[in-house]
């Protein structure tokens, strides 16, 4: 089995802690082997949650995924991400604003970049406003503090594959 990683910035509009809800969406997908929430695309080594939230590090909240490409494609993962965000909202999720709330896909290869661009083009055709989900090469990914990992699952929500219960965010 080959595994690859997808490192998008993932957000869900109804979550006070943005990466928690989207992490649970991905945990439920067959073919996703592991998730890790954290910070990427910034200029500070090993940033803390508080530093990222200050907007001074350049990081965005993100999720790194390990997935089995024989079960799920990179394109399917990109489609899921784009279904959990308003792709036209720049630096904003719900009432939260700041560069740490931008969303994007950060590919590790040219083929992943092509898949991400293709998914964004399909989504763009559905909107009059410009899609602002960024696609940039993957940068260093720093895992978030342990209390953020699998937060909603630890709070009692099912991460079972294909679970249909709504994702409830709280914090």
N, C-alpha and C. Protein backbone atom coordinates (compact mmCIF):
# COMPACT_ATOMS: atom_id res chain seq x y z
N UNK A 1 0.84 -1.17 0.00
CA UNK A 1 0.00 0.00 0.00
C UNK A 1 0.89 1.23 0.00
N UNK A 2 0.59 2.16 -0.91
CA UNK A 2 1.29 3.44 -0.92
C UNK A 2 0.45 4.43 -0.15
N UNK A 3 1.09 5.32 0.55
CA UNK A 3 0.36 6.39 1.22
C UNK A 3 0.94 7.72 0.78
N UNK A 4 0.08 8.68 0.71
CA UNK A 4 0.47 10.04 0.37
C UNK A 4 -0.17 10.97 1.38
N UNK A 5 0.30 12.18 1.39
CA UNK A 5 -0.29 13.14 2.32
C UNK A 5 -0.93 14.28 1.57
N UNK A 6 -1.97 14.79 2.13
CA UNK A 6 -2.67 15.98 1.65
C UNK A 6 -2.59 16.96 2.80
N UNK A 7 -2.15 18.15 2.55
CA UNK A 7 -2.02 19.13 3.62
C UNK A 7 -2.80 20.38 3.27
N UNK A 8 -4.12 20.29 3.30
CA UNK A 8 -4.90 21.50 3.05
C UNK A 8 -5.15 22.25 4.34
N UNK A 9 -5.41 23.50 4.21
CA UNK A 9 -5.95 24.23 5.34
C UNK A 9 -7.43 23.92 5.32
N UNK A 10 -7.94 23.43 6.40
CA UNK A 10 -9.30 22.97 6.42
C UNK A 10 -10.11 23.75 7.44
N UNK A 11 -11.25 24.17 7.02
CA UNK A 11 -12.09 24.94 7.92
C UNK A 11 -13.54 24.54 7.73
N UNK A 12 -14.35 24.78 8.73
CA UNK A 12 -15.79 24.54 8.64
C UNK A 12 -16.47 25.74 9.27
N UNK A 13 -17.38 26.35 8.56
CA UNK A 13 -17.93 27.63 8.97
C UNK A 13 -18.55 27.64 10.36
N UNK A 14 -19.11 26.53 10.79
CA UNK A 14 -19.82 26.55 12.07
C UNK A 14 -18.94 26.18 13.27
N UNK A 15 -17.68 25.98 13.05
CA UNK A 15 -16.81 25.53 14.16
C UNK A 15 -16.03 26.68 14.78
N UNK A 16 -16.12 26.86 16.10
CA UNK A 16 -15.29 27.86 16.74
C UNK A 16 -13.80 27.55 16.59
N UNK A 17 -13.45 26.28 16.62
CA UNK A 17 -12.07 25.86 16.39
C UNK A 17 -12.07 25.22 15.02
N UNK A 18 -11.62 25.91 14.02
CA UNK A 18 -11.90 25.59 12.63
C UNK A 18 -11.44 24.22 12.16
N UNK A 19 -10.31 23.76 12.60
CA UNK A 19 -9.84 22.49 12.03
C UNK A 19 -10.53 21.28 12.64
N UNK A 20 -11.17 21.42 13.78
CA UNK A 20 -11.78 20.26 14.43
C UNK A 20 -12.86 19.62 13.58
N UNK A 21 -13.80 20.42 13.09
CA UNK A 21 -14.92 19.87 12.33
C UNK A 21 -14.48 19.22 11.03
N UNK A 22 -13.60 19.88 10.32
CA UNK A 22 -13.17 19.33 9.05
C UNK A 22 -12.32 18.08 9.27
N UNK A 23 -11.55 18.05 10.35
CA UNK A 23 -10.80 16.84 10.66
C UNK A 23 -11.75 15.66 10.81
N UNK A 24 -12.86 15.85 11.52
CA UNK A 24 -13.81 14.76 11.72
C UNK A 24 -14.43 14.33 10.39
N UNK A 25 -14.74 15.28 9.51
CA UNK A 25 -15.25 14.92 8.18
C UNK A 25 -14.25 13.99 7.47
N UNK A 26 -12.98 14.33 7.52
CA UNK A 26 -11.97 13.50 6.86
C UNK A 26 -11.77 12.16 7.58
N UNK A 27 -11.81 12.15 8.90
CA UNK A 27 -11.66 10.90 9.64
C UNK A 27 -12.72 9.89 9.20
N UNK A 28 -13.88 10.36 8.84
CA UNK A 28 -15.00 9.49 8.46
C UNK A 28 -14.89 8.95 7.04
N UNK A 29 -13.95 9.42 6.27
CA UNK A 29 -13.85 9.01 4.87
C UNK A 29 -13.04 7.72 4.72
N UNK A 30 -13.61 6.70 4.08
CA UNK A 30 -12.84 5.49 3.79
C UNK A 30 -11.59 5.85 2.98
N UNK A 31 -10.48 5.26 3.34
CA UNK A 31 -9.22 5.54 2.66
C UNK A 31 -8.35 6.54 3.38
N UNK A 32 -8.94 7.33 4.28
CA UNK A 32 -8.14 8.24 5.12
C UNK A 32 -7.64 7.41 6.30
N UNK A 33 -6.34 7.30 6.39
CA UNK A 33 -5.72 6.44 7.39
C UNK A 33 -5.46 7.20 8.69
N UNK A 34 -5.01 8.45 8.57
CA UNK A 34 -4.69 9.24 9.76
C UNK A 34 -4.84 10.72 9.45
N UNK A 35 -5.14 11.48 10.50
CA UNK A 35 -5.24 12.93 10.39
C UNK A 35 -4.38 13.56 11.48
N UNK A 36 -3.93 14.76 11.22
CA UNK A 36 -3.19 15.54 12.21
C UNK A 36 -3.51 17.00 11.96
N UNK A 37 -4.09 17.68 12.95
CA UNK A 37 -4.36 19.11 12.80
C UNK A 37 -3.11 19.88 13.19
N UNK A 38 -2.93 21.02 12.54
CA UNK A 38 -1.75 21.82 12.83
C UNK A 38 -1.74 23.11 12.06
N UNK A 39 -0.54 23.58 11.78
CA UNK A 39 -0.35 24.90 11.20
C UNK A 39 0.64 24.80 10.05
N UNK A 40 0.36 25.53 8.96
CA UNK A 40 1.22 25.47 7.78
C UNK A 40 1.24 26.82 7.06
N UNK A 41 2.18 26.96 6.16
CA UNK A 41 2.31 28.12 5.27
C UNK A 41 2.76 29.38 5.98
N UNK A 42 3.37 29.25 7.15
CA UNK A 42 3.80 30.43 7.89
C UNK A 42 5.30 30.58 7.97
N UNK A 43 5.74 31.57 8.73
CA UNK A 43 7.17 31.91 8.79
C UNK A 43 7.83 31.60 10.14
N UNK A 44 7.08 31.10 11.10
CA UNK A 44 7.61 30.85 12.43
C UNK A 44 7.75 29.34 12.63
N UNK A 45 8.86 28.91 13.21
CA UNK A 45 9.07 27.50 13.51
C UNK A 45 8.29 27.11 14.76
N UNK A 46 7.57 26.02 14.68
CA UNK A 46 6.81 25.46 15.80
C UNK A 46 5.91 26.50 16.47
N UNK A 47 5.00 27.11 15.72
CA UNK A 47 4.13 28.12 16.33
C UNK A 47 3.12 27.49 17.29
N UNK A 48 2.69 28.27 18.25
CA UNK A 48 1.64 27.83 19.16
C UNK A 48 0.30 28.26 18.58
N UNK A 49 -0.77 27.68 19.12
CA UNK A 49 -2.12 28.05 18.71
C UNK A 49 -2.34 29.55 18.95
N UNK A 50 -1.91 30.02 20.07
CA UNK A 50 -2.10 31.44 20.41
C UNK A 50 -1.36 32.34 19.42
N UNK A 51 -0.14 31.95 19.04
CA UNK A 51 0.63 32.75 18.08
C UNK A 51 -0.05 32.76 16.71
N UNK A 52 -0.53 31.60 16.27
CA UNK A 52 -1.22 31.52 14.98
C UNK A 52 -2.48 32.39 15.01
N UNK A 53 -3.23 32.32 16.10
CA UNK A 53 -4.46 33.12 16.22
C UNK A 53 -4.19 34.62 16.26
N UNK A 54 -2.98 35.01 16.63
CA UNK A 54 -2.65 36.44 16.65
C UNK A 54 -2.54 37.01 15.25
N UNK A 55 -2.39 36.12 14.24
CA UNK A 55 -2.28 36.57 12.86
C UNK A 55 -0.90 37.06 12.48
N UNK A 56 0.08 36.90 13.36
CA UNK A 56 1.41 37.44 13.09
C UNK A 56 2.39 36.44 12.50
N UNK A 57 2.02 35.15 12.46
CA UNK A 57 2.97 34.13 12.00
C UNK A 57 2.83 33.79 10.53
N UNK A 58 1.72 34.16 9.92
CA UNK A 58 1.48 33.82 8.52
C UNK A 58 0.91 32.43 8.32
N UNK A 59 0.75 31.66 9.40
CA UNK A 59 0.23 30.30 9.28
C UNK A 59 -1.27 30.29 9.06
N UNK A 60 -1.74 29.18 8.52
CA UNK A 60 -3.15 28.88 8.48
C UNK A 60 -3.37 27.58 9.22
N UNK A 61 -4.53 27.45 9.85
CA UNK A 61 -4.86 26.19 10.50
C UNK A 61 -5.04 25.15 9.39
N UNK A 62 -4.50 23.96 9.59
CA UNK A 62 -4.57 22.95 8.54
C UNK A 62 -4.68 21.55 9.08
N UNK A 63 -4.86 20.64 8.16
CA UNK A 63 -4.91 19.22 8.50
C UNK A 63 -4.02 18.48 7.53
N UNK A 64 -3.15 17.66 8.07
CA UNK A 64 -2.34 16.78 7.24
C UNK A 64 -3.00 15.41 7.27
N UNK A 65 -3.17 14.83 6.09
CA UNK A 65 -3.84 13.54 5.97
C UNK A 65 -2.87 12.51 5.42
N UNK A 66 -2.98 11.31 5.93
CA UNK A 66 -2.33 10.16 5.29
C UNK A 66 -3.48 9.34 4.72
N UNK A 67 -3.42 9.05 3.43
CA UNK A 67 -4.52 8.35 2.79
C UNK A 67 -4.00 7.27 1.85
N UNK A 68 -4.87 6.32 1.57
CA UNK A 68 -4.56 5.22 0.66
C UNK A 68 -5.14 5.57 -0.70
N UNK A 69 -4.29 5.89 -1.69
CA UNK A 69 -4.79 6.31 -3.01
C UNK A 69 -5.46 5.19 -3.79
N UNK A 70 -5.40 3.94 -3.31
CA UNK A 70 -6.15 2.87 -3.97
C UNK A 70 -7.60 2.85 -3.50
N UNK A 71 -7.90 3.61 -2.43
CA UNK A 71 -9.26 3.67 -1.89
C UNK A 71 -9.91 5.02 -2.17
N UNK A 72 -9.14 6.09 -2.05
CA UNK A 72 -9.66 7.44 -2.25
C UNK A 72 -8.62 8.27 -3.00
N UNK A 73 -9.09 9.11 -3.89
CA UNK A 73 -8.17 9.91 -4.70
C UNK A 73 -7.93 11.27 -4.06
N UNK A 74 -6.85 11.87 -4.49
CA UNK A 74 -6.53 13.24 -4.05
C UNK A 74 -7.67 14.18 -4.46
N UNK A 75 -8.21 13.97 -5.65
CA UNK A 75 -9.32 14.81 -6.12
C UNK A 75 -10.52 14.69 -5.20
N UNK A 76 -10.84 13.49 -4.75
CA UNK A 76 -11.98 13.31 -3.84
C UNK A 76 -11.75 14.04 -2.52
N UNK A 77 -10.51 14.04 -2.05
CA UNK A 77 -10.20 14.76 -0.82
C UNK A 77 -10.34 16.27 -1.03
N UNK A 78 -9.89 16.75 -2.17
CA UNK A 78 -10.04 18.18 -2.48
C UNK A 78 -11.52 18.55 -2.57
N UNK A 79 -12.31 17.69 -3.21
CA UNK A 79 -13.75 17.94 -3.31
C UNK A 79 -14.38 18.02 -1.93
N UNK A 80 -13.98 17.15 -1.02
CA UNK A 80 -14.53 17.18 0.33
C UNK A 80 -14.17 18.49 1.02
N UNK A 81 -12.91 18.89 0.91
CA UNK A 81 -12.50 20.16 1.50
C UNK A 81 -13.38 21.29 0.98
N UNK A 82 -13.52 21.36 -0.33
CA UNK A 82 -14.26 22.47 -0.93
C UNK A 82 -15.75 22.42 -0.61
N UNK A 83 -16.25 21.26 -0.17
CA UNK A 83 -17.65 21.17 0.24
C UNK A 83 -17.84 21.60 1.69
N UNK A 84 -16.76 21.78 2.44
CA UNK A 84 -16.88 22.15 3.85
C UNK A 84 -16.54 23.62 4.11
N UNK A 85 -16.23 24.36 3.07
CA UNK A 85 -15.90 25.78 3.21
C UNK A 85 -16.72 26.61 2.24
N UNK A 86 -16.79 27.90 2.48
CA UNK A 86 -17.28 28.84 1.46
C UNK A 86 -16.03 29.25 0.69
N UNK A 87 -15.82 28.69 -0.49
CA UNK A 87 -14.56 28.94 -1.20
C UNK A 87 -14.40 30.37 -1.71
N UNK A 88 -15.44 31.20 -1.54
CA UNK A 88 -15.34 32.59 -1.98
C UNK A 88 -15.02 33.53 -0.81
N UNK A 89 -14.93 33.00 0.40
CA UNK A 89 -14.67 33.82 1.59
C UNK A 89 -13.17 33.87 1.87
N UNK A 90 -12.58 35.01 1.67
CA UNK A 90 -11.14 35.16 1.89
C UNK A 90 -10.85 35.54 3.33
N UNK A 91 -9.96 34.77 3.95
CA UNK A 91 -9.51 35.06 5.32
C UNK A 91 -10.69 35.19 6.29
N UNK A 92 -11.72 34.36 6.05
CA UNK A 92 -12.91 34.45 6.89
C UNK A 92 -13.61 33.10 6.94
N UNK A 93 -14.02 32.73 8.15
CA UNK A 93 -14.88 31.58 8.35
C UNK A 93 -15.94 32.01 9.34
N UNK A 94 -17.18 32.07 8.88
CA UNK A 94 -18.25 32.58 9.74
C UNK A 94 -17.91 33.99 10.17
N UNK A 95 -17.92 34.24 11.48
CA UNK A 95 -17.60 35.57 12.00
C UNK A 95 -16.12 35.75 12.30
N UNK A 96 -15.34 34.69 12.12
CA UNK A 96 -13.91 34.76 12.41
C UNK A 96 -13.15 35.27 11.18
N UNK A 97 -12.25 36.21 11.43
CA UNK A 97 -11.49 36.79 10.33
C UNK A 97 -10.00 36.77 10.67
N UNK A 98 -9.20 36.65 9.63
CA UNK A 98 -7.76 36.68 9.79
C UNK A 98 -7.11 35.69 8.84
N UNK A 99 -5.84 35.89 8.57
CA UNK A 99 -5.15 35.02 7.62
C UNK A 99 -5.10 33.57 8.08
N UNK A 100 -5.22 33.32 9.39
CA UNK A 100 -5.22 31.94 9.88
C UNK A 100 -6.51 31.21 9.49
N UNK A 101 -7.51 31.95 8.98
CA UNK A 101 -8.77 31.35 8.55
C UNK A 101 -8.89 31.25 7.03
N UNK A 102 -7.79 31.45 6.33
CA UNK A 102 -7.84 31.23 4.89
C UNK A 102 -7.87 29.72 4.63
N UNK A 103 -8.34 29.35 3.47
CA UNK A 103 -8.36 27.92 3.16
C UNK A 103 -7.60 27.70 1.87
N UNK A 104 -7.01 26.52 1.80
CA UNK A 104 -6.22 26.20 0.62
C UNK A 104 -5.90 24.73 0.55
N UNK A 105 -5.30 24.36 -0.55
CA UNK A 105 -4.80 23.02 -0.76
C UNK A 105 -3.32 23.17 -1.04
N UNK A 106 -2.51 22.38 -0.35
CA UNK A 106 -1.07 22.52 -0.43
C UNK A 106 -0.47 21.19 -0.90
N UNK A 107 -0.40 21.02 -2.22
CA UNK A 107 0.04 19.73 -2.79
C UNK A 107 1.52 19.46 -2.62
N UNK A 108 1.83 18.16 -2.64
CA UNK A 108 3.20 17.68 -2.50
C UNK A 108 3.81 17.27 -3.83
N UNK A 109 3.06 17.36 -4.92
CA UNK A 109 3.57 16.95 -6.23
C UNK A 109 2.85 17.73 -7.33
N UNK A 110 3.40 17.68 -8.54
CA UNK A 110 2.76 18.33 -9.67
C UNK A 110 1.39 17.71 -9.97
N UNK A 111 1.28 16.38 -9.85
CA UNK A 111 0.00 15.74 -10.14
C UNK A 111 -1.06 16.14 -9.11
N UNK A 112 -0.66 16.29 -7.85
CA UNK A 112 -1.60 16.77 -6.84
C UNK A 112 -2.00 18.22 -7.13
N UNK A 113 -1.06 19.03 -7.55
CA UNK A 113 -1.37 20.43 -7.88
C UNK A 113 -2.37 20.50 -9.03
N UNK A 114 -2.19 19.66 -10.02
CA UNK A 114 -3.12 19.62 -11.15
C UNK A 114 -4.51 19.19 -10.70
N UNK A 115 -4.58 18.18 -9.83
CA UNK A 115 -5.87 17.72 -9.32
C UNK A 115 -6.56 18.82 -8.52
N UNK A 116 -5.81 19.53 -7.70
CA UNK A 116 -6.38 20.61 -6.89
C UNK A 116 -6.89 21.74 -7.80
N UNK A 117 -6.11 22.12 -8.80
CA UNK A 117 -6.54 23.19 -9.72
C UNK A 117 -7.80 22.77 -10.47
N UNK A 118 -7.87 21.53 -10.86
CA UNK A 118 -9.05 21.03 -11.57
C UNK A 118 -10.29 21.09 -10.68
N UNK A 119 -10.15 20.68 -9.43
CA UNK A 119 -11.28 20.74 -8.49
C UNK A 119 -11.73 22.18 -8.28
N UNK A 120 -10.79 23.07 -8.15
CA UNK A 120 -11.14 24.48 -7.94
C UNK A 120 -11.87 25.03 -9.18
N UNK A 121 -11.44 24.64 -10.37
CA UNK A 121 -12.11 25.09 -11.59
C UNK A 121 -13.55 24.60 -11.63
N UNK A 122 -13.79 23.37 -11.23
CA UNK A 122 -15.15 22.83 -11.20
C UNK A 122 -16.01 23.61 -10.21
N UNK A 123 -15.45 23.91 -9.04
CA UNK A 123 -16.18 24.67 -8.03
C UNK A 123 -16.42 26.10 -8.51
N UNK A 124 -15.43 26.71 -9.16
CA UNK A 124 -15.57 28.09 -9.63
C UNK A 124 -16.78 28.23 -10.56
N UNK A 125 -17.04 27.20 -11.37
CA UNK A 125 -18.16 27.25 -12.31
C UNK A 125 -19.51 27.35 -11.58
N UNK A 126 -19.55 27.05 -10.31
CA UNK A 126 -20.79 27.09 -9.53
C UNK A 126 -21.02 28.43 -8.85
N UNK A 127 -20.03 29.33 -8.90
CA UNK A 127 -20.11 30.59 -8.17
C UNK A 127 -19.92 31.78 -9.11
N UNK A 128 -20.66 32.84 -8.82
CA UNK A 128 -20.41 34.10 -9.52
C UNK A 128 -19.20 34.81 -8.94
N UNK A 129 -19.06 34.75 -7.61
CA UNK A 129 -17.89 35.36 -6.96
C UNK A 129 -16.66 34.50 -7.23
N UNK A 130 -15.50 35.12 -7.17
CA UNK A 130 -14.25 34.40 -7.41
C UNK A 130 -13.94 33.46 -6.25
N UNK A 131 -13.56 32.24 -6.57
CA UNK A 131 -13.10 31.28 -5.57
C UNK A 131 -11.70 31.71 -5.13
N UNK A 132 -11.51 31.83 -3.81
CA UNK A 132 -10.25 32.32 -3.27
C UNK A 132 -9.45 31.24 -2.54
N UNK A 133 -9.91 30.00 -2.61
CA UNK A 133 -9.16 28.89 -2.01
C UNK A 133 -7.81 28.83 -2.69
N UNK A 134 -6.75 28.94 -1.91
CA UNK A 134 -5.42 28.99 -2.52
C UNK A 134 -4.87 27.59 -2.78
N UNK A 135 -4.04 27.51 -3.82
CA UNK A 135 -3.29 26.30 -4.12
C UNK A 135 -1.83 26.72 -4.20
N UNK A 136 -1.05 26.23 -3.23
CA UNK A 136 0.37 26.55 -3.16
C UNK A 136 1.12 25.27 -2.80
N UNK A 137 2.38 25.19 -3.17
CA UNK A 137 3.15 24.00 -2.78
C UNK A 137 3.17 23.82 -1.26
N UNK A 138 3.16 22.58 -0.84
CA UNK A 138 3.20 22.28 0.59
C UNK A 138 4.44 22.90 1.22
N UNK A 139 4.26 23.42 2.40
CA UNK A 139 5.35 23.97 3.21
C UNK A 139 5.47 23.10 4.46
N UNK A 140 6.34 23.48 5.35
CA UNK A 140 6.48 22.73 6.59
C UNK A 140 5.15 22.75 7.33
N UNK A 141 4.76 21.60 7.84
CA UNK A 141 3.53 21.45 8.61
C UNK A 141 3.92 21.18 10.06
N UNK A 142 3.39 21.98 10.96
CA UNK A 142 3.67 21.81 12.39
C UNK A 142 2.42 21.28 13.08
N UNK A 143 2.48 20.10 13.69
CA UNK A 143 1.31 19.59 14.42
C UNK A 143 0.89 20.56 15.52
N UNK A 144 -0.42 20.68 15.68
CA UNK A 144 -0.96 21.50 16.77
C UNK A 144 -0.76 20.77 18.10
N UNK A 145 -1.03 21.47 19.15
CA UNK A 145 -0.93 20.92 20.50
C UNK A 145 -1.81 19.68 20.61
N UNK A 146 -1.44 18.76 21.47
CA UNK A 146 -2.14 17.47 21.60
C UNK A 146 -3.63 17.63 21.89
N UNK A 147 -4.03 18.62 22.66
CA UNK A 147 -5.44 18.74 23.00
C UNK A 147 -6.30 19.05 21.77
N UNK A 148 -5.70 19.52 20.68
CA UNK A 148 -6.46 19.78 19.45
C UNK A 148 -6.67 18.51 18.62
N UNK A 149 -5.82 17.51 18.78
CA UNK A 149 -5.87 16.31 17.93
C UNK A 149 -7.13 15.49 18.24
N UNK A 150 -7.88 15.17 17.18
CA UNK A 150 -9.10 14.35 17.30
C UNK A 150 -10.03 14.90 18.39
N UNK A 151 -10.11 16.21 18.46
CA UNK A 151 -10.84 16.88 19.53
C UNK A 151 -12.31 16.47 19.58
N UNK A 152 -12.98 16.50 18.45
CA UNK A 152 -14.40 16.17 18.45
C UNK A 152 -14.63 14.69 18.70
N UNK A 153 -13.75 13.85 18.22
CA UNK A 153 -13.84 12.41 18.49
C UNK A 153 -13.68 12.17 20.00
N UNK A 154 -12.70 12.82 20.61
CA UNK A 154 -12.48 12.66 22.05
C UNK A 154 -13.67 13.20 22.84
N UNK A 155 -14.42 14.12 22.23
CA UNK A 155 -15.61 14.68 22.87
C UNK A 155 -16.85 13.83 22.67
N UNK A 156 -16.70 12.67 22.03
CA UNK A 156 -17.82 11.74 21.92
C UNK A 156 -18.44 11.61 20.55
N UNK A 157 -17.97 12.37 19.56
CA UNK A 157 -18.54 12.23 18.22
C UNK A 157 -17.86 11.10 17.47
N UNK A 158 -18.64 10.42 16.66
CA UNK A 158 -18.14 9.25 15.94
C UNK A 158 -17.21 9.64 14.79
N UNK A 159 -16.06 8.96 14.76
CA UNK A 159 -15.15 9.09 13.62
C UNK A 159 -15.21 7.82 12.78
N UNK A 160 -16.22 6.99 13.01
CA UNK A 160 -16.39 5.76 12.26
C UNK A 160 -16.52 6.07 10.77
N UNK A 161 -15.93 5.25 9.93
CA UNK A 161 -16.00 5.46 8.49
C UNK A 161 -17.46 5.50 8.04
N UNK A 162 -17.77 6.46 7.18
CA UNK A 162 -19.11 6.67 6.63
C UNK A 162 -20.17 7.04 7.68
N UNK A 163 -19.76 7.48 8.87
CA UNK A 163 -20.73 7.93 9.86
C UNK A 163 -21.57 9.05 9.28
N UNK A 164 -22.84 9.05 9.55
CA UNK A 164 -23.76 10.03 8.96
C UNK A 164 -24.24 11.09 9.93
N UNK A 165 -23.87 10.97 11.20
CA UNK A 165 -24.31 11.97 12.17
C UNK A 165 -23.71 13.32 11.79
N UNK A 166 -24.45 14.39 12.01
CA UNK A 166 -23.89 15.72 11.73
C UNK A 166 -22.66 15.99 12.61
N UNK A 167 -21.73 16.73 12.07
CA UNK A 167 -20.57 17.16 12.84
C UNK A 167 -21.02 18.36 13.68
N UNK A 168 -20.86 18.24 14.98
CA UNK A 168 -21.23 19.32 15.89
C UNK A 168 -19.94 19.93 16.43
N UNK A 169 -19.81 21.22 16.27
CA UNK A 169 -18.58 21.88 16.73
C UNK A 169 -18.87 22.67 17.98
N UNK A 170 -17.91 22.66 18.86
CA UNK A 170 -18.01 23.36 20.14
C UNK A 170 -16.61 23.63 20.63
N UNK A 171 -16.49 24.51 21.54
CA UNK A 171 -15.16 24.80 22.06
C UNK A 171 -15.20 25.84 23.13
